[in-house]
Amino acid sequence: MHCPHCASATTKEQIRKTTLGYRTFRCSACKRLFNERTGTPFNFLEYPTDVVLLVVLWRLRYKLSLRDLAEIFLERGVTFTYEAVRE
């Protein structure tokens, strides 16, 4: 994986993972830590990328309300409010 900070290809995967379970890496060139989502629009989201993309897909495809989406995911064990979907 290339470093999103300096674009170097000399990175090494670390043992620890983020709180959401993403792999972390250390760049040998600039010595910075980063994860799989660093440099992407999903970097600062509190929820896993697959959940976010599924919410967006269902919202657009099936025209579900924000509250319906929050309720559907609550049944699947993912807890968030309709305001989180709106944001």
N, C-alpha and C. Protein backbone atom coordinates (compact mmCIF):
# COMPACT_ATOMS: atom_id res chain seq x y z
N MET A 1 0.85 -1.17 0.00
CA MET A 1 0.00 0.00 0.00
C MET A 1 0.90 1.23 0.00
N HIS A 2 0.55 2.22 -0.78
CA HIS A 2 1.31 3.46 -0.86
C HIS A 2 0.91 4.40 0.26
N CYS A 3 1.87 5.14 0.76
CA CYS A 3 1.64 6.12 1.82
C CYS A 3 0.81 7.28 1.25
N PRO A 4 -0.32 7.64 1.91
CA PRO A 4 -1.12 8.76 1.42
C PRO A 4 -0.47 10.12 1.69
N HIS A 5 0.56 10.15 2.53
CA HIS A 5 1.22 11.41 2.89
C HIS A 5 2.37 11.76 1.95
N CYS A 6 3.20 10.75 1.63
CA CYS A 6 4.37 11.03 0.79
C CYS A 6 4.40 10.19 -0.48
N ALA A 7 3.42 9.31 -0.68
CA ALA A 7 3.27 8.45 -1.86
C ALA A 7 4.38 7.41 -1.99
N SER A 8 5.08 7.14 -0.93
CA SER A 8 6.13 6.12 -0.94
C SER A 8 5.51 4.72 -0.92
N ALA A 9 6.17 3.79 -1.58
CA ALA A 9 5.69 2.41 -1.61
C ALA A 9 6.32 1.57 -0.51
N THR A 10 7.20 2.15 0.27
CA THR A 10 7.90 1.41 1.32
C THR A 10 7.12 1.51 2.63
N THR A 11 6.05 0.77 2.72
CA THR A 11 5.24 0.75 3.92
C THR A 11 5.24 -0.65 4.52
N LYS A 12 4.99 -0.71 5.82
CA LYS A 12 4.97 -1.99 6.50
C LYS A 12 3.69 -2.07 7.33
N GLU A 13 2.99 -3.19 7.20
CA GLU A 13 1.76 -3.37 7.96
C GLU A 13 2.09 -3.60 9.43
N GLN A 14 1.33 -2.97 10.30
CA GLN A 14 1.51 -3.08 11.74
C GLN A 14 0.60 -4.18 12.29
N ILE A 15 0.88 -4.64 13.49
CA ILE A 15 0.09 -5.69 14.12
C ILE A 15 -1.27 -5.16 14.58
N ARG A 16 -1.27 -3.98 15.17
CA ARG A 16 -2.52 -3.45 15.71
C ARG A 16 -3.45 -2.97 14.60
N LYS A 17 -4.73 -2.93 14.94
CA LYS A 17 -5.76 -2.47 14.02
C LYS A 17 -6.48 -1.28 14.66
N THR A 18 -7.25 -0.57 13.85
CA THR A 18 -8.03 0.55 14.38
C THR A 18 -9.20 0.01 15.17
N THR A 19 -9.94 0.88 15.83
CA THR A 19 -11.10 0.45 16.62
C THR A 19 -12.19 -0.16 15.75
N LEU A 20 -12.24 0.22 14.47
CA LEU A 20 -13.22 -0.36 13.56
C LEU A 20 -12.69 -1.60 12.85
N GLY A 21 -11.44 -1.98 13.14
CA GLY A 21 -10.89 -3.20 12.58
C GLY A 21 -10.09 -3.04 11.30
N TYR A 22 -9.72 -1.82 10.96
CA TYR A 22 -8.94 -1.60 9.74
C TYR A 22 -7.45 -1.79 10.00
N ARG A 23 -6.75 -2.29 9.01
CA ARG A 23 -5.31 -2.50 9.13
C ARG A 23 -4.58 -1.16 9.22
N THR A 24 -3.48 -1.12 9.98
CA THR A 24 -2.65 0.08 10.07
C THR A 24 -1.29 -0.20 9.44
N PHE A 25 -0.68 0.86 8.94
CA PHE A 25 0.60 0.77 8.25
C PHE A 25 1.53 1.86 8.76
N ARG A 26 2.85 1.66 8.61
CA ARG A 26 3.85 2.68 8.91
C ARG A 26 4.69 2.88 7.66
N CYS A 27 4.86 4.12 7.28
CA CYS A 27 5.67 4.46 6.12
C CYS A 27 7.14 4.51 6.54
N SER A 28 8.00 3.85 5.79
CA SER A 28 9.44 3.85 6.10
C SER A 28 10.09 5.18 5.72
N ALA A 29 9.52 5.88 4.76
CA ALA A 29 10.11 7.14 4.29
C ALA A 29 9.79 8.30 5.23
N CYS A 30 8.51 8.51 5.53
CA CYS A 30 8.13 9.67 6.36
C CYS A 30 7.81 9.29 7.81
N LYS A 31 7.84 8.00 8.13
CA LYS A 31 7.65 7.49 9.50
C LYS A 31 6.26 7.78 10.07
N ARG A 32 5.26 7.97 9.21
CA ARG A 32 3.92 8.27 9.70
C ARG A 32 3.06 7.01 9.71
N LEU A 33 2.12 6.96 10.64
CA LEU A 33 1.15 5.87 10.71
C LEU A 33 -0.09 6.26 9.92
N PHE A 34 -0.70 5.28 9.26
CA PHE A 34 -1.95 5.51 8.55
C PHE A 34 -2.70 4.19 8.47
N ASN A 35 -3.97 4.26 8.10
CA ASN A 35 -4.76 3.05 7.95
C ASN A 35 -5.34 2.97 6.55
N GLU A 36 -6.17 1.95 6.32
CA GLU A 36 -6.73 1.73 4.99
C GLU A 36 -7.62 2.88 4.52
N ARG A 37 -8.23 3.60 5.44
CA ARG A 37 -9.15 4.67 5.07
C ARG A 37 -8.51 6.05 5.02
N THR A 38 -7.26 6.19 5.41
CA THR A 38 -6.59 7.48 5.40
C THR A 38 -6.54 8.01 3.98
N GLY A 39 -6.92 9.26 3.82
CA GLY A 39 -6.89 9.88 2.50
C GLY A 39 -8.15 9.65 1.69
N THR A 40 -9.16 9.00 2.27
CA THR A 40 -10.42 8.76 1.56
C THR A 40 -11.52 9.60 2.21
N PRO A 41 -12.63 9.77 1.52
CA PRO A 41 -13.74 10.51 2.13
C PRO A 41 -14.33 9.82 3.36
N PHE A 42 -14.04 8.53 3.54
CA PHE A 42 -14.59 7.77 4.67
C PHE A 42 -13.72 7.83 5.91
N ASN A 43 -12.64 8.56 5.88
CA ASN A 43 -11.66 8.54 6.95
C ASN A 43 -12.22 8.95 8.31
N PHE A 44 -13.08 9.94 8.37
CA PHE A 44 -13.53 10.46 9.66
C PHE A 44 -14.91 9.94 10.07
N LEU A 45 -15.42 8.93 9.38
CA LEU A 45 -16.72 8.37 9.74
C LEU A 45 -16.58 7.42 10.93
N GLU A 46 -17.61 7.38 11.75
CA GLU A 46 -17.59 6.54 12.94
C GLU A 46 -18.04 5.11 12.67
N TYR A 47 -18.52 4.85 11.46
CA TYR A 47 -19.08 3.55 11.12
C TYR A 47 -18.26 2.90 10.01
N PRO A 48 -18.27 1.57 9.95
CA PRO A 48 -17.52 0.88 8.89
C PRO A 48 -17.98 1.29 7.49
N THR A 49 -17.07 1.25 6.55
CA THR A 49 -17.35 1.68 5.19
C THR A 49 -18.47 0.87 4.56
N ASP A 50 -18.50 -0.44 4.78
CA ASP A 50 -19.53 -1.25 4.16
C ASP A 50 -20.93 -0.89 4.65
N VAL A 51 -21.06 -0.52 5.92
CA VAL A 51 -22.35 -0.10 6.46
C VAL A 51 -22.77 1.23 5.84
N VAL A 52 -21.84 2.16 5.73
CA VAL A 52 -22.14 3.47 5.15
C VAL A 52 -22.61 3.32 3.69
N LEU A 53 -21.89 2.52 2.93
CA LEU A 53 -22.27 2.34 1.52
C LEU A 53 -23.61 1.64 1.38
N LEU A 54 -23.91 0.70 2.26
CA LEU A 54 -25.19 0.01 2.22
C LEU A 54 -26.34 0.96 2.57
N VAL A 55 -26.14 1.83 3.55
CA VAL A 55 -27.16 2.82 3.91
C VAL A 55 -27.42 3.75 2.73
N VAL A 56 -26.37 4.22 2.09
CA VAL A 56 -26.53 5.13 0.94
C VAL A 56 -27.25 4.41 -0.21
N LEU A 57 -26.86 3.17 -0.48
CA LEU A 57 -27.50 2.40 -1.56
C LEU A 57 -28.98 2.22 -1.29
N TRP A 58 -29.33 1.79 -0.08
CA TRP A 58 -30.74 1.57 0.24
C TRP A 58 -31.53 2.87 0.25
N ARG A 59 -30.90 3.95 0.70
CA ARG A 59 -31.59 5.26 0.72
C ARG A 59 -31.93 5.70 -0.70
N LEU A 60 -30.99 5.54 -1.62
CA LEU A 60 -31.21 5.99 -2.99
C LEU A 60 -32.05 5.00 -3.80
N ARG A 61 -31.79 3.71 -3.64
CA ARG A 61 -32.45 2.71 -4.47
C ARG A 61 -33.90 2.49 -4.05
N TYR A 62 -34.15 2.35 -2.76
CA TYR A 62 -35.49 2.02 -2.29
C TYR A 62 -36.23 3.20 -1.70
N LYS A 63 -35.60 4.38 -1.71
CA LYS A 63 -36.21 5.61 -1.22
C LYS A 63 -36.77 5.46 0.20
N LEU A 64 -35.96 4.84 1.06
CA LEU A 64 -36.36 4.65 2.46
C LEU A 64 -36.14 5.95 3.23
N SER A 65 -36.94 6.14 4.26
CA SER A 65 -36.76 7.33 5.10
C SER A 65 -35.54 7.12 6.00
N LEU A 66 -35.07 8.21 6.59
CA LEU A 66 -33.93 8.13 7.49
C LEU A 66 -34.24 7.28 8.71
N ARG A 67 -35.46 7.42 9.22
CA ARG A 67 -35.86 6.63 10.39
C ARG A 67 -36.00 5.15 10.04
N ASP A 68 -36.49 4.85 8.82
CA ASP A 68 -36.59 3.44 8.39
C ASP A 68 -35.21 2.80 8.32
N LEU A 69 -34.24 3.51 7.79
CA LEU A 69 -32.89 2.98 7.68
C LEU A 69 -32.29 2.70 9.05
N ALA A 70 -32.48 3.63 9.98
CA ALA A 70 -31.96 3.44 11.33
C ALA A 70 -32.62 2.22 11.99
N GLU A 71 -33.92 2.03 11.75
CA GLU A 71 -34.63 0.89 12.33
C GLU A 71 -34.19 -0.44 11.71
N ILE A 72 -34.00 -0.47 10.39
CA ILE A 72 -33.55 -1.68 9.71
C ILE A 72 -32.18 -2.11 10.24
N PHE A 73 -31.28 -1.17 10.37
CA PHE A 73 -29.94 -1.51 10.83
C PHE A 73 -29.92 -1.84 12.32
N LEU A 74 -30.84 -1.29 13.09
CA LEU A 74 -30.95 -1.65 14.50
C LEU A 74 -31.29 -3.13 14.64
N GLU A 75 -32.16 -3.64 13.76
CA GLU A 75 -32.50 -5.06 13.77
C GLU A 75 -31.30 -5.92 13.39
N ARG A 76 -30.35 -5.36 12.64
CA ARG A 76 -29.15 -6.10 12.26
C ARG A 76 -28.01 -5.93 13.26
N GLY A 77 -28.24 -5.15 14.31
CA GLY A 77 -27.24 -5.00 15.36
C GLY A 77 -26.34 -3.78 15.23
N VAL A 78 -26.62 -2.91 14.26
CA VAL A 78 -25.84 -1.68 14.09
C VAL A 78 -26.69 -0.53 14.59
N THR A 79 -26.20 0.17 15.62
CA THR A 79 -27.00 1.22 16.26
C THR A 79 -26.53 2.60 15.83
N PHE A 80 -27.41 3.37 15.24
CA PHE A 80 -27.18 4.78 14.95
C PHE A 80 -28.53 5.46 14.83
N THR A 81 -28.54 6.77 14.90
CA THR A 81 -29.79 7.52 14.82
C THR A 81 -30.05 7.95 13.39
N TYR A 82 -31.27 8.39 13.14
CA TYR A 82 -31.60 8.88 11.80
C TYR A 82 -30.79 10.14 11.48
N GLU A 83 -30.38 10.88 12.51
CA GLU A 83 -29.56 12.07 12.28
C GLU A 83 -28.18 11.71 11.77
N ALA A 84 -27.66 10.55 12.20
CA ALA A 84 -26.37 10.07 11.68
C ALA A 84 -26.47 9.74 10.21
N VAL A 85 -27.61 9.20 9.79
CA VAL A 85 -27.84 8.90 8.37
C VAL A 85 -27.89 10.21 7.58
N ARG A 86 -28.54 11.19 8.13
CA ARG A 86 -28.66 12.49 7.44
C ARG A 86 -27.30 13.14 7.23
N GLU A 87 -26.43 13.03 8.25
CA GLU A 87 -25.10 13.63 8.15
C GLU A 87 -24.24 12.89 7.16
